[in-house]
Amino acid sequence: MTLSLLDLDAVRNARHSTEPYDFMLGSGFLRQEAIGDLRDSFPAIDKPGYLTVDEVQLKGRFKTLIDELESPELTEELSRKFGRDLHAFPRLTTIMKRSQPKYGAIHTDGPSKVMTMLVYMNDNWADDGGGRLRVLYDGEHFEPYAVEVPPTMGTVFAFLRGDNSWHGHQPFAGERKVVQIAWVTDAQELERKKKRNRTAQFLKSIFGR
């Protein structure tokens, strides 16, 4: 498979650190010539939070983007970057367009996740800290932080899940476009997460929360 939308050099050249946990941060992950089409074909999502790709109408270049993000070629580059073979783990792909102030609480991700990767798709972002993911040292404090991730177009952030993989962001309400790929332990966990996400979205549609 030839990747037309992703620049894998962004992974190869990304900053990689093992402190305070194993993560990488890169830029230019989306090819510049494709950004206009990706912007235009981003799904028309009116619900807040993450939706699985099964819950979203994918079309055009954005559908191609999802195919490339789920490709073995990308998984291979990440496996090399982190020194861990990720090919055996199924992937859960989710998309967010709208954020709410309650999102971003500090957490590590659950033990059923092996790796999480975030690809941001916002044209610009204010520097006030809201909505900017931080690599953190504990589960209680947003400061000090090791790295702050700008959620701007083509930024890619990935980390191996661990008991100390603390991260989160200050409250933000509004449009915050991001695609998340999570490599999970097994197919059973994948289906469980999909079901839980569908249930959460159903409850949001009823109670508006």
N, C-alpha and C. Protein backbone atom coordinates (compact mmCIF):
# COMPACT_ATOMS: atom_id res chain seq x y z
N MET A 1 0.85 -1.19 0.00
CA MET A 1 0.00 0.00 0.00
C MET A 1 0.89 1.25 0.00
N THR A 2 0.64 2.14 -0.93
CA THR A 2 1.36 3.41 -0.99
C THR A 2 0.57 4.46 -0.23
N LEU A 3 1.21 5.09 0.74
CA LEU A 3 0.52 6.08 1.57
C LEU A 3 0.59 7.44 0.90
N SER A 4 -0.57 7.97 0.54
CA SER A 4 -0.61 9.23 -0.20
C SER A 4 -0.87 10.44 0.69
N LEU A 5 -1.41 10.20 1.88
CA LEU A 5 -1.81 11.31 2.75
C LEU A 5 -0.89 11.46 3.96
N LEU A 6 -0.27 10.36 4.39
CA LEU A 6 0.61 10.39 5.56
C LEU A 6 2.06 10.45 5.15
N ASP A 7 2.82 11.26 5.85
CA ASP A 7 4.26 11.32 5.65
C ASP A 7 4.92 10.57 6.80
N LEU A 8 5.36 9.36 6.54
CA LEU A 8 5.92 8.52 7.59
C LEU A 8 7.25 9.06 8.11
N ASP A 9 7.87 9.97 7.38
CA ASP A 9 9.08 10.62 7.91
C ASP A 9 8.77 11.41 9.18
N ALA A 10 7.51 11.85 9.31
CA ALA A 10 7.12 12.57 10.52
C ALA A 10 7.22 11.67 11.74
N VAL A 11 6.96 10.38 11.56
CA VAL A 11 7.14 9.41 12.65
C VAL A 11 8.62 9.12 12.86
N ARG A 12 9.32 8.88 11.78
CA ARG A 12 10.75 8.57 11.89
C ARG A 12 11.53 9.70 12.55
N ASN A 13 11.15 10.94 12.25
CA ASN A 13 11.89 12.09 12.75
C ASN A 13 11.30 12.69 14.03
N ALA A 14 10.22 12.12 14.51
CA ALA A 14 9.54 12.68 15.69
C ALA A 14 10.42 12.59 16.93
N ARG A 15 10.24 13.55 17.81
CA ARG A 15 10.92 13.49 19.11
C ARG A 15 10.42 12.27 19.87
N HIS A 16 11.33 11.46 20.36
CA HIS A 16 10.98 10.27 21.14
C HIS A 16 11.62 10.37 22.51
N SER A 17 10.82 10.21 23.54
CA SER A 17 11.32 10.32 24.91
C SER A 17 10.77 9.17 25.75
N THR A 18 11.52 8.77 26.74
CA THR A 18 11.05 7.77 27.70
C THR A 18 10.79 8.39 29.07
N GLU A 19 10.87 9.70 29.16
CA GLU A 19 10.62 10.40 30.42
C GLU A 19 9.53 11.44 30.23
N PRO A 20 8.49 11.43 31.06
CA PRO A 20 8.26 10.54 32.21
C PRO A 20 7.71 9.17 31.81
N TYR A 21 7.38 9.02 30.51
CA TYR A 21 6.98 7.71 29.97
C TYR A 21 7.28 7.72 28.48
N ASP A 22 7.00 6.60 27.83
CA ASP A 22 7.42 6.40 26.44
C ASP A 22 6.45 7.10 25.48
N PHE A 23 6.89 8.20 24.85
CA PHE A 23 6.01 8.93 23.93
C PHE A 23 6.83 9.51 22.79
N MET A 24 6.11 9.91 21.75
CA MET A 24 6.72 10.65 20.64
C MET A 24 5.81 11.81 20.25
N LEU A 25 6.41 12.86 19.72
CA LEU A 25 5.68 14.03 19.25
C LEU A 25 6.30 14.50 17.96
N GLY A 26 5.47 14.58 16.90
CA GLY A 26 5.97 15.00 15.61
C GLY A 26 5.03 15.98 14.92
N SER A 27 5.48 16.53 13.82
CA SER A 27 4.68 17.47 13.04
C SER A 27 4.80 17.12 11.57
N GLY A 28 3.90 17.70 10.77
CA GLY A 28 3.94 17.43 9.34
C GLY A 28 3.53 16.03 8.96
N PHE A 29 2.72 15.38 9.78
CA PHE A 29 2.30 14.00 9.53
C PHE A 29 1.35 13.91 8.35
N LEU A 30 0.56 14.95 8.12
CA LEU A 30 -0.35 15.00 6.97
C LEU A 30 0.33 15.77 5.85
N ARG A 31 0.34 15.18 4.66
CA ARG A 31 1.01 15.84 3.55
C ARG A 31 0.34 17.17 3.21
N GLN A 32 1.14 18.18 3.00
CA GLN A 32 0.64 19.53 2.81
C GLN A 32 -0.34 19.63 1.65
N GLU A 33 -0.07 18.91 0.58
CA GLU A 33 -0.91 19.02 -0.60
C GLU A 33 -2.29 18.38 -0.40
N ALA A 34 -2.45 17.58 0.67
CA ALA A 34 -3.72 16.91 0.92
C ALA A 34 -4.58 17.63 1.95
N ILE A 35 -4.04 18.63 2.62
CA ILE A 35 -4.74 19.23 3.75
C ILE A 35 -6.07 19.87 3.35
N GLY A 36 -6.11 20.54 2.23
CA GLY A 36 -7.36 21.15 1.79
C GLY A 36 -8.47 20.13 1.61
N ASP A 37 -8.16 19.03 0.95
CA ASP A 37 -9.16 17.98 0.75
C ASP A 37 -9.56 17.33 2.08
N LEU A 38 -8.61 17.14 2.98
CA LEU A 38 -8.93 16.55 4.27
C LEU A 38 -9.81 17.47 5.10
N ARG A 39 -9.55 18.74 5.02
CA ARG A 39 -10.38 19.72 5.73
C ARG A 39 -11.81 19.68 5.20
N ASP A 40 -11.95 19.61 3.88
CA ASP A 40 -13.28 19.63 3.27
C ASP A 40 -14.06 18.34 3.52
N SER A 41 -13.35 17.22 3.66
CA SER A 41 -14.04 15.93 3.79
C SER A 41 -14.12 15.45 5.24
N PHE A 42 -13.70 16.29 6.20
CA PHE A 42 -13.83 15.89 7.61
C PHE A 42 -15.32 15.67 7.91
N PRO A 43 -15.67 14.60 8.62
CA PRO A 43 -17.08 14.27 8.83
C PRO A 43 -17.88 15.39 9.50
N ALA A 44 -19.12 15.51 9.08
CA ALA A 44 -20.03 16.52 9.66
C ALA A 44 -20.62 15.96 10.95
N ILE A 45 -19.84 16.03 12.01
CA ILE A 45 -20.25 15.47 13.31
C ILE A 45 -20.85 16.57 14.17
N ASP A 46 -22.06 16.32 14.69
CA ASP A 46 -22.67 17.33 15.57
C ASP A 46 -22.68 16.91 17.02
N LYS A 47 -22.23 15.68 17.32
CA LYS A 47 -22.17 15.19 18.69
C LYS A 47 -20.80 15.49 19.30
N PRO A 48 -20.75 15.77 20.59
CA PRO A 48 -19.45 15.94 21.23
C PRO A 48 -18.81 14.59 21.53
N GLY A 49 -17.51 14.59 21.75
CA GLY A 49 -16.80 13.38 22.14
C GLY A 49 -16.33 12.56 20.96
N TYR A 50 -15.75 11.41 21.28
CA TYR A 50 -15.20 10.52 20.26
C TYR A 50 -16.28 9.58 19.75
N LEU A 51 -16.33 9.42 18.43
CA LEU A 51 -17.20 8.44 17.79
C LEU A 51 -16.34 7.45 17.03
N THR A 52 -16.74 6.17 17.05
CA THR A 52 -16.01 5.19 16.27
C THR A 52 -16.27 5.43 14.78
N VAL A 53 -15.38 4.91 13.95
CA VAL A 53 -15.55 5.11 12.51
C VAL A 53 -16.83 4.45 12.01
N ASP A 54 -17.33 3.46 12.73
CA ASP A 54 -18.59 2.81 12.35
C ASP A 54 -19.79 3.74 12.53
N GLU A 55 -19.63 4.75 13.37
CA GLU A 55 -20.74 5.66 13.68
C GLU A 55 -20.70 6.93 12.84
N VAL A 56 -19.72 7.04 11.97
CA VAL A 56 -19.49 8.27 11.22
C VAL A 56 -19.52 7.97 9.73
N GLN A 57 -20.07 8.89 8.96
CA GLN A 57 -20.07 8.73 7.51
C GLN A 57 -18.73 9.22 6.96
N LEU A 58 -17.95 8.27 6.46
CA LEU A 58 -16.63 8.60 5.91
C LEU A 58 -16.74 8.76 4.41
N LYS A 59 -16.06 9.77 3.88
CA LYS A 59 -16.12 9.99 2.44
C LYS A 59 -14.81 10.62 1.96
N GLY A 60 -14.59 10.50 0.67
CA GLY A 60 -13.49 11.20 0.02
C GLY A 60 -12.13 10.90 0.63
N ARG A 61 -11.32 11.95 0.67
CA ARG A 61 -9.94 11.80 1.15
C ARG A 61 -9.89 11.46 2.63
N PHE A 62 -10.90 11.84 3.38
CA PHE A 62 -10.89 11.50 4.80
C PHE A 62 -11.01 9.98 4.98
N LYS A 63 -11.83 9.35 4.17
CA LYS A 63 -11.93 7.89 4.24
C LYS A 63 -10.58 7.25 3.92
N THR A 64 -9.89 7.81 2.93
CA THR A 64 -8.55 7.32 2.60
C THR A 64 -7.61 7.51 3.78
N LEU A 65 -7.74 8.64 4.47
CA LEU A 65 -6.91 8.90 5.65
C LEU A 65 -7.09 7.81 6.69
N ILE A 66 -8.34 7.44 6.98
CA ILE A 66 -8.60 6.39 7.97
C ILE A 66 -7.97 5.08 7.53
N ASP A 67 -8.10 4.75 6.24
CA ASP A 67 -7.49 3.52 5.72
C ASP A 67 -5.98 3.53 5.94
N GLU A 68 -5.35 4.68 5.72
CA GLU A 68 -3.90 4.76 5.89
C GLU A 68 -3.49 4.73 7.36
N LEU A 69 -4.29 5.33 8.21
CA LEU A 69 -3.99 5.29 9.65
C LEU A 69 -4.12 3.87 10.20
N GLU A 70 -4.96 3.06 9.58
CA GLU A 70 -5.16 1.68 10.02
C GLU A 70 -4.28 0.69 9.25
N SER A 71 -3.35 1.20 8.46
CA SER A 71 -2.54 0.34 7.60
C SER A 71 -1.40 -0.32 8.36
N PRO A 72 -0.95 -1.49 7.90
CA PRO A 72 0.21 -2.14 8.50
C PRO A 72 1.49 -1.34 8.33
N GLU A 73 1.55 -0.50 7.28
CA GLU A 73 2.74 0.32 7.07
C GLU A 73 2.95 1.30 8.23
N LEU A 74 1.88 1.94 8.68
CA LEU A 74 2.02 2.85 9.80
C LEU A 74 2.32 2.09 11.09
N THR A 75 1.64 0.97 11.30
CA THR A 75 1.90 0.17 12.49
C THR A 75 3.37 -0.28 12.53
N GLU A 76 3.93 -0.60 11.38
CA GLU A 76 5.33 -1.01 11.32
C GLU A 76 6.26 0.14 11.73
N GLU A 77 5.99 1.34 11.24
CA GLU A 77 6.84 2.48 11.60
C GLU A 77 6.77 2.77 13.10
N LEU A 78 5.58 2.67 13.67
CA LEU A 78 5.43 2.89 15.10
C LEU A 78 6.11 1.78 15.90
N SER A 79 6.03 0.56 15.41
CA SER A 79 6.70 -0.56 16.07
C SER A 79 8.20 -0.33 16.12
N ARG A 80 8.76 0.15 15.03
CA ARG A 80 10.18 0.44 14.99
C ARG A 80 10.53 1.61 15.92
N LYS A 81 9.68 2.61 15.91
CA LYS A 81 9.95 3.80 16.73
C LYS A 81 10.01 3.46 18.21
N PHE A 82 9.06 2.64 18.65
CA PHE A 82 8.94 2.34 20.07
C PHE A 82 9.60 1.03 20.49
N GLY A 83 10.10 0.27 19.52
CA GLY A 83 10.75 -0.98 19.85
C GLY A 83 9.80 -2.04 20.39
N ARG A 84 8.57 -2.00 19.91
CA ARG A 84 7.58 -2.99 20.33
C ARG A 84 6.71 -3.37 19.14
N ASP A 85 6.56 -4.65 18.91
CA ASP A 85 5.78 -5.11 17.77
C ASP A 85 4.29 -4.93 18.06
N LEU A 86 3.65 -4.04 17.30
CA LEU A 86 2.25 -3.71 17.52
C LEU A 86 1.30 -4.43 16.55
N HIS A 87 1.84 -5.20 15.62
CA HIS A 87 1.00 -5.78 14.57
C HIS A 87 -0.06 -6.73 15.11
N ALA A 88 0.20 -7.37 16.22
CA ALA A 88 -0.74 -8.36 16.74
C ALA A 88 -1.97 -7.74 17.40
N PHE A 89 -1.91 -6.43 17.66
CA PHE A 89 -2.98 -5.80 18.43
C PHE A 89 -4.01 -5.15 17.51
N PRO A 90 -5.30 -5.46 17.70
CA PRO A 90 -6.34 -4.80 16.90
C PRO A 90 -6.42 -3.31 17.22
N ARG A 91 -6.96 -2.55 16.27
CA ARG A 91 -7.00 -1.10 16.40
C ARG A 91 -8.44 -0.61 16.56
N LEU A 92 -8.59 0.39 17.41
CA LEU A 92 -9.86 1.10 17.56
C LEU A 92 -9.64 2.53 17.10
N THR A 93 -10.37 2.93 16.06
CA THR A 93 -10.23 4.28 15.51
C THR A 93 -11.46 5.10 15.86
N THR A 94 -11.24 6.26 16.44
CA THR A 94 -12.33 7.16 16.81
C THR A 94 -12.01 8.57 16.34
N ILE A 95 -13.06 9.36 16.20
CA ILE A 95 -12.95 10.72 15.65
C ILE A 95 -13.69 11.68 16.56
N MET A 96 -13.07 12.82 16.83
CA MET A 96 -13.76 13.88 17.57
C MET A 96 -13.75 15.17 16.75
N LYS A 97 -14.87 15.87 16.83
CA LYS A 97 -14.94 17.20 16.24
C LYS A 97 -15.25 18.27 17.29
N ARG A 98 -16.05 17.90 18.30
CA ARG A 98 -16.47 18.87 19.31
C ARG A 98 -16.06 18.40 20.70
N SER A 99 -15.50 19.35 21.44
CA SER A 99 -15.07 19.08 22.81
C SER A 99 -15.97 19.81 23.79
N GLN A 100 -16.05 19.27 24.99
CA GLN A 100 -16.80 19.90 26.07
C GLN A 100 -15.86 20.20 27.23
N PRO A 101 -16.22 21.15 28.10
CA PRO A 101 -15.33 21.53 29.21
C PRO A 101 -14.97 20.38 30.14
N LYS A 102 -15.83 19.36 30.23
CA LYS A 102 -15.55 18.26 31.15
C LYS A 102 -14.50 17.29 30.61
N TYR A 103 -14.14 17.40 29.33
CA TYR A 103 -13.16 16.51 28.76
C TYR A 103 -11.74 16.93 29.19
N GLY A 104 -10.82 15.99 29.11
CA GLY A 104 -9.42 16.31 29.35
C GLY A 104 -8.92 16.02 30.74
N ALA A 105 -9.73 15.43 31.61
CA ALA A 105 -9.28 15.10 32.96
C ALA A 105 -8.04 14.22 32.90
N ILE A 106 -7.15 14.40 33.85
CA ILE A 106 -5.89 13.65 33.87
C ILE A 106 -6.16 12.16 34.04
N HIS A 107 -5.53 11.34 33.20
CA HIS A 107 -5.70 9.90 33.27
C HIS A 107 -4.50 9.21 32.59
N THR A 108 -4.46 7.90 32.66
CA THR A 108 -3.36 7.13 32.05
C THR A 108 -3.79 6.31 30.85
N ASP A 109 -5.06 6.19 30.59
CA ASP A 109 -5.69 5.20 29.70
C ASP A 109 -5.74 3.86 30.45
N GLY A 110 -6.72 3.05 30.08
CA GLY A 110 -6.91 1.78 30.76
C GLY A 110 -5.91 0.73 30.32
N PRO A 111 -5.72 -0.33 31.12
CA PRO A 111 -4.74 -1.37 30.81
C PRO A 111 -5.04 -2.18 29.56
N SER A 112 -6.25 -2.06 29.03
CA SER A 112 -6.56 -2.78 27.79
C SER A 112 -5.97 -2.08 26.56
N LYS A 113 -5.48 -0.86 26.74
CA LYS A 113 -4.81 -0.17 25.64
C LYS A 113 -3.31 -0.42 25.71
N VAL A 114 -2.73 -0.66 24.55
CA VAL A 114 -1.28 -0.87 24.45
C VAL A 114 -0.61 0.43 24.02
N MET A 115 -1.13 1.05 22.99
CA MET A 115 -0.61 2.33 22.50
C MET A 115 -1.78 3.19 22.05
N THR A 116 -1.62 4.49 22.19
CA THR A 116 -2.59 5.45 21.69
C THR A 116 -1.86 6.46 20.82
N MET A 117 -2.46 6.80 19.67
CA MET A 117 -1.91 7.82 18.78
C MET A 117 -3.00 8.83 18.48
N LEU A 118 -2.65 10.10 18.52
CA LEU A 118 -3.57 11.19 18.22
C LEU A 118 -3.04 11.98 17.03
N VAL A 119 -3.91 12.24 16.07
CA VAL A 119 -3.58 13.06 14.91
C VAL A 119 -4.52 14.26 14.90
N TYR A 120 -3.95 15.43 15.03
CA TYR A 120 -4.77 16.65 15.16
C TYR A 120 -4.98 17.30 13.80
N MET A 121 -6.16 17.96 13.66
CA MET A 121 -6.54 18.49 12.35
C MET A 121 -7.17 19.88 12.46
N ASN A 122 -6.66 20.71 13.36
CA ASN A 122 -7.16 22.07 13.53
C ASN A 122 -6.22 23.06 12.85
N ASP A 123 -6.79 24.04 12.15
CA ASP A 123 -5.96 24.98 11.39
C ASP A 123 -5.08 25.85 12.28
N ASN A 124 -5.58 26.20 13.44
CA ASN A 124 -4.79 27.00 14.37
C ASN A 124 -5.32 26.75 15.78
N TRP A 125 -4.59 27.27 16.77
CA TRP A 125 -4.99 27.06 18.16
C TRP A 125 -4.45 28.18 19.03
N ALA A 126 -5.28 28.64 19.96
CA ALA A 126 -4.86 29.70 20.87
C ALA A 126 -3.82 29.16 21.85
N ASP A 127 -3.02 30.05 22.39
CA ASP A 127 -1.92 29.67 23.28
C ASP A 127 -2.29 29.75 24.76
N ASP A 128 -3.58 29.72 25.07
CA ASP A 128 -3.98 29.91 26.47
C ASP A 128 -3.97 28.61 27.27
N GLY A 129 -3.60 27.50 26.65
CA GLY A 129 -3.50 26.23 27.37
C GLY A 129 -4.71 25.34 27.25
N GLY A 130 -5.91 25.87 27.06
CA GLY A 130 -7.11 25.06 26.96
C GLY A 130 -7.05 24.14 25.75
N GLY A 131 -7.34 22.85 25.96
CA GLY A 131 -7.39 21.90 24.87
C GLY A 131 -6.06 21.42 24.35
N ARG A 132 -4.96 21.84 24.97
CA ARG A 132 -3.62 21.43 24.54
C ARG A 132 -3.14 20.30 25.45
N LEU A 133 -3.06 19.10 24.90
CA LEU A 133 -2.70 17.93 25.68
C LEU A 133 -1.32 18.11 26.32
N ARG A 134 -1.20 17.66 27.57
CA ARG A 134 0.07 17.75 28.28
C ARG A 134 0.53 16.37 28.73
N VAL A 135 1.82 16.13 28.59
CA VAL A 135 2.46 14.95 29.17
C VAL A 135 2.80 15.30 30.61
N LEU A 136 2.23 14.55 31.54
CA LEU A 136 2.26 14.95 32.95
C LEU A 136 3.04 13.95 33.81
N TYR A 137 3.39 14.41 35.01
CA TYR A 137 4.20 13.62 35.92
C TYR A 137 3.39 12.86 36.97
N ASP A 138 2.13 13.26 37.15
CA ASP A 138 1.29 12.56 38.12
C ASP A 138 -0.17 12.74 37.75
N GLY A 139 -1.05 12.18 38.57
CA GLY A 139 -2.47 12.18 38.26
C GLY A 139 -3.24 13.34 38.85
N GLU A 140 -2.54 14.36 39.36
CA GLU A 140 -3.23 15.44 40.05
C GLU A 140 -2.91 16.83 39.52
N HIS A 141 -1.78 17.02 38.87
CA HIS A 141 -1.31 18.37 38.56
C HIS A 141 -1.07 18.56 37.06
N PHE A 142 -1.57 19.66 36.53
CA PHE A 142 -1.30 20.03 35.15
C PHE A 142 0.04 20.73 35.00
N GLU A 143 0.62 21.16 36.09
CA GLU A 143 1.94 21.78 36.07
C GLU A 143 2.76 21.23 37.22
N PRO A 144 4.07 21.02 37.01
CA PRO A 144 4.78 21.17 35.73
C PRO A 144 4.41 20.04 34.76
N TYR A 145 4.73 20.25 33.50
CA TYR A 145 4.48 19.22 32.50
C TYR A 145 5.73 19.03 31.64
N ALA A 146 5.86 17.85 31.08
CA ALA A 146 7.04 17.53 30.27
C ALA A 146 6.93 18.13 28.87
N VAL A 147 5.74 18.03 28.27
CA VAL A 147 5.50 18.50 26.91
C VAL A 147 4.06 18.94 26.81
N GLU A 148 3.83 19.99 26.03
CA GLU A 148 2.47 20.40 25.68
C GLU A 148 2.31 20.22 24.18
N VAL A 149 1.24 19.55 23.78
CA VAL A 149 1.04 19.16 22.38
C VAL A 149 0.12 20.17 21.70
N PRO A 150 0.59 20.86 20.66
CA PRO A 150 -0.29 21.76 19.93
C PRO A 150 -1.26 20.97 19.06
N PRO A 151 -2.56 21.14 19.20
CA PRO A 151 -3.52 20.33 18.43
C PRO A 151 -3.75 20.87 17.02
N THR A 152 -2.67 21.25 16.36
CA THR A 152 -2.76 21.87 15.04
C THR A 152 -2.57 20.85 13.92
N MET A 153 -2.96 21.25 12.73
CA MET A 153 -3.02 20.36 11.58
C MET A 153 -1.71 19.60 11.36
N GLY A 154 -1.79 18.28 11.37
CA GLY A 154 -0.63 17.45 11.09
C GLY A 154 0.24 17.10 12.28
N THR A 155 -0.12 17.57 13.47
CA THR A 155 0.62 17.16 14.67
C THR A 155 0.25 15.73 15.02
N VAL A 156 1.24 14.92 15.35
CA VAL A 156 1.00 13.53 15.74
C VAL A 156 1.67 13.29 17.09
N PHE A 157 0.91 12.67 17.99
CA PHE A 157 1.40 12.34 19.32
C PHE A 157 1.02 10.90 19.61
N ALA A 158 1.95 10.12 20.12
CA ALA A 158 1.68 8.72 20.43
C ALA A 158 2.43 8.33 21.69
N PHE A 159 1.87 7.37 22.43
CA PHE A 159 2.54 6.91 23.64
C PHE A 159 2.15 5.47 23.94
N LEU A 160 3.08 4.77 24.59
CA LEU A 160 2.79 3.44 25.11
C LEU A 160 2.12 3.59 26.45
N ARG A 161 1.00 2.90 26.62
CA ARG A 161 0.26 3.01 27.87
C ARG A 161 1.04 2.37 29.02
N GLY A 162 1.04 3.03 30.17
CA GLY A 162 1.66 2.49 31.38
C GLY A 162 0.94 3.04 32.60
N ASP A 163 1.29 2.53 33.74
CA ASP A 163 0.65 3.00 34.97
C ASP A 163 0.99 4.46 35.28
N ASN A 164 2.02 5.00 34.61
CA ASN A 164 2.42 6.39 34.84
C ASN A 164 2.24 7.26 33.60
N SER A 165 1.47 6.77 32.61
CA SER A 165 1.32 7.55 31.36
C SER A 165 0.24 8.63 31.52
N TRP A 166 0.46 9.50 32.49
CA TRP A 166 -0.51 10.55 32.80
C TRP A 166 -0.54 11.61 31.70
N HIS A 167 -1.76 11.98 31.32
CA HIS A 167 -1.93 13.04 30.32
C HIS A 167 -3.32 13.62 30.47
N GLY A 168 -3.51 14.79 29.92
CA GLY A 168 -4.81 15.47 29.98
C GLY A 168 -4.65 16.88 29.44
N HIS A 169 -5.75 17.61 29.42
CA HIS A 169 -5.67 19.00 28.98
C HIS A 169 -6.63 19.87 29.77
N GLN A 170 -6.31 21.13 29.82
CA GLN A 170 -7.17 22.09 30.49
C GLN A 170 -8.50 22.18 29.74
N PRO A 171 -9.59 22.56 30.44
CA PRO A 171 -10.92 22.57 29.82
C PRO A 171 -10.97 23.39 28.53
N PHE A 172 -11.75 22.88 27.60
CA PHE A 172 -11.98 23.58 26.33
C PHE A 172 -13.34 23.20 25.80
N ALA A 173 -14.08 24.17 25.30
CA ALA A 173 -15.38 23.92 24.66
C ALA A 173 -15.34 24.45 23.24
N GLY A 174 -15.74 23.62 22.30
CA GLY A 174 -15.76 24.07 20.92
C GLY A 174 -15.18 23.03 19.99
N GLU A 175 -14.84 23.47 18.80
CA GLU A 175 -14.35 22.57 17.78
C GLU A 175 -12.89 22.19 18.06
N ARG A 176 -12.65 20.89 18.15
CA ARG A 176 -11.30 20.35 18.41
C ARG A 176 -11.20 19.04 17.64
N LYS A 177 -10.69 19.13 16.42
CA LYS A 177 -10.68 17.99 15.50
C LYS A 177 -9.47 17.10 15.76
N VAL A 178 -9.75 15.82 15.99
CA VAL A 178 -8.66 14.87 16.24
C VAL A 178 -9.13 13.46 15.87
N VAL A 179 -8.21 12.69 15.32
CA VAL A 179 -8.44 11.26 15.08
C VAL A 179 -7.56 10.49 16.06
N GLN A 180 -8.14 9.51 16.73
CA GLN A 180 -7.40 8.71 17.70
C GLN A 180 -7.37 7.25 17.24
N ILE A 181 -6.18 6.67 17.25
CA ILE A 181 -6.03 5.24 17.00
C ILE A 181 -5.51 4.62 18.28
N ALA A 182 -6.19 3.59 18.76
CA ALA A 182 -5.73 2.87 19.95
C ALA A 182 -5.49 1.41 19.58
N TRP A 183 -4.30 0.93 19.88
CA TRP A 183 -3.99 -0.49 19.73
C TRP A 183 -4.37 -1.15 21.05
N VAL A 184 -5.27 -2.13 20.99
CA VAL A 184 -5.81 -2.74 22.21
C VAL A 184 -5.38 -4.20 22.31
N THR A 185 -5.54 -4.76 23.50
CA THR A 185 -4.94 -6.06 23.80
C THR A 185 -5.48 -7.20 22.96
N ASP A 186 -6.79 -7.19 22.68
CA ASP A 186 -7.35 -8.30 21.90
C ASP A 186 -8.69 -7.91 21.29
N ALA A 187 -9.23 -8.78 20.45
CA ALA A 187 -10.48 -8.50 19.74
C ALA A 187 -11.66 -8.34 20.69
N GLN A 188 -11.65 -9.07 21.78
CA GLN A 188 -12.74 -8.97 22.75
C GLN A 188 -12.78 -7.57 23.37
N GLU A 189 -11.61 -7.06 23.70
CA GLU A 189 -11.55 -5.70 24.24
C GLU A 189 -11.98 -4.67 23.21
N LEU A 190 -11.62 -4.91 21.97
CA LEU A 190 -12.02 -4.00 20.89
C LEU A 190 -13.53 -3.91 20.80
N GLU A 191 -14.22 -5.05 20.80
CA GLU A 191 -15.67 -5.04 20.70
C GLU A 191 -16.31 -4.43 21.95
N ARG A 192 -15.71 -4.70 23.09
CA ARG A 192 -16.24 -4.12 24.33
C ARG A 192 -16.15 -2.60 24.30
N LYS A 193 -15.05 -2.08 23.81
CA LYS A 193 -14.88 -0.63 23.75
C LYS A 193 -15.84 -0.01 22.74
N LYS A 194 -16.04 -0.68 21.61
CA LYS A 194 -16.99 -0.17 20.62
C LYS A 194 -18.39 -0.11 21.20
N LYS A 195 -18.79 -1.17 21.90
CA LYS A 195 -20.11 -1.22 22.49
C LYS A 195 -20.27 -0.14 23.56
N ARG A 196 -19.26 0.03 24.38
CA ARG A 196 -19.33 1.06 25.42
C ARG A 196 -19.43 2.46 24.81
N ASN A 197 -18.70 2.68 23.72
CA ASN A 197 -18.75 3.99 23.08
C ASN A 197 -20.13 4.25 22.48
N ARG A 198 -20.72 3.23 21.85
CA ARG A 198 -22.07 3.40 21.29
C ARG A 198 -23.08 3.69 22.38
N THR A 199 -22.96 3.00 23.52
CA THR A 199 -23.87 3.23 24.64
C THR A 199 -23.73 4.65 25.16
N ALA A 200 -22.49 5.12 25.29
CA ALA A 200 -22.26 6.47 25.79
C ALA A 200 -22.86 7.51 24.86
N GLN A 201 -22.70 7.31 23.54
CA GLN A 201 -23.28 8.25 22.60
C GLN A 201 -24.80 8.21 22.62
N PHE A 202 -25.38 7.03 22.82
CA PHE A 202 -26.83 6.91 22.92
C PHE A 202 -27.36 7.68 24.13
N LEU A 203 -26.68 7.54 25.26
CA LEU A 203 -27.10 8.25 26.47
C LEU A 203 -26.96 9.76 26.29
N LYS A 204 -25.90 10.18 25.61
CA LYS A 204 -25.73 11.61 25.34
C LYS A 204 -26.88 12.15 24.50
N SER A 205 -27.34 11.33 23.53
CA SER A 205 -28.44 11.77 22.66
C SER A 205 -29.73 11.95 23.43
N ILE A 206 -29.88 11.20 24.53
CA ILE A 206 -31.10 11.28 25.34
C ILE A 206 -31.01 12.38 26.38
N PHE A 207 -29.89 12.41 27.09
CA PHE A 207 -29.75 13.32 28.23
C PHE A 207 -28.94 14.58 27.90
N GLY A 208 -28.33 14.61 26.72
CA GLY A 208 -27.58 15.80 26.33
C GLY A 208 -26.36 16.06 27.18
N ARG A 209 -25.68 15.00 27.62
CA ARG A 209 -24.50 15.15 28.47
C ARG A 209 -23.31 14.46 27.84
